[in-house]
């Protein structure tokens, strides 16, 4: 059932029953159990489709006594969709989505540069998403989109729908119609259009800790540039890396993954370094705070 919901997070109990050859009542009961404890159905958003054309990863070195205050400020900013404390060469690691280079520059100079205790800022700009899209909550979507330049064909109603889907990917069109004050037919058409054009993908996301994957890590790679995309594609074949980006800046490829243990993480890095030609260095940042939901296949549910 989780695998089917990952392919189509808005599948009804009746549709799941037909594919699983169970009764609709049994499927609805299983769905209620899953949603009450272990899984989330969220809208994964293509940032460029909502006017956020530039994504970046920011590593910060911060005075020890001021790390947690700096973290709270980062998490509150409308351009930040993930921030956490990490081990390694950084103290804090953040993922941001911006409308333009000037938007990113203002964020770094005016906001990050003004955070008390920040000693150093290092950044990599995302060039291409090989695997993975951000999963944002409704409030974050509203803040991210507030100042973004929306592409043609997307309006405030679409943003409202995206916000609700990011909160609950299975919210019905009838409920959306009531919340937005728009007709059911219009809402149903808008939702389908957002799905068809790739603005959002509604799918199952899991809390990896509940499935025994207690280690979340970011991995940054320096690689031989003549094999840049080949290496990124090879890394994306490792299921536990649920985010794979090529980047410009400090590093060439950025990964995010979940692992059962430090030894599990170490084994995956050893395999990658040994089998994939052209990796020159790997830098690992283990998250000590900050939660990432992950797709089922990254923890072995395929």
Foldseek 3Di string as FASTA:
>chain_A
DQVVCQQPVQDALVRVCVVVVHDSVVSVVVVVVCVVPWKAKFKFFDLVQLQQDKKKKKFWAFDVVCLVVLQVQQVPALFWQWKFAWDFPGGMMTIGTHNDPVRVVCCVVVPVVPRPGTDDMFMKIFDDWPFDGDQHALVSLCSRNVPGDHDPPDDPLLSNVNNVRSNHVNDQLVVSCVVVVHDSVVSVVSVVVCCVVRRIGIHMWTFVVVVQFDWKKKKFFAWDVVCLVVLQNVLVVQLQFRTWTAIDTPGGIMTIGTGNDPVRVVVVVVCSVVPPPTTDDMTMIIGPDITDIGRPSSVPDD
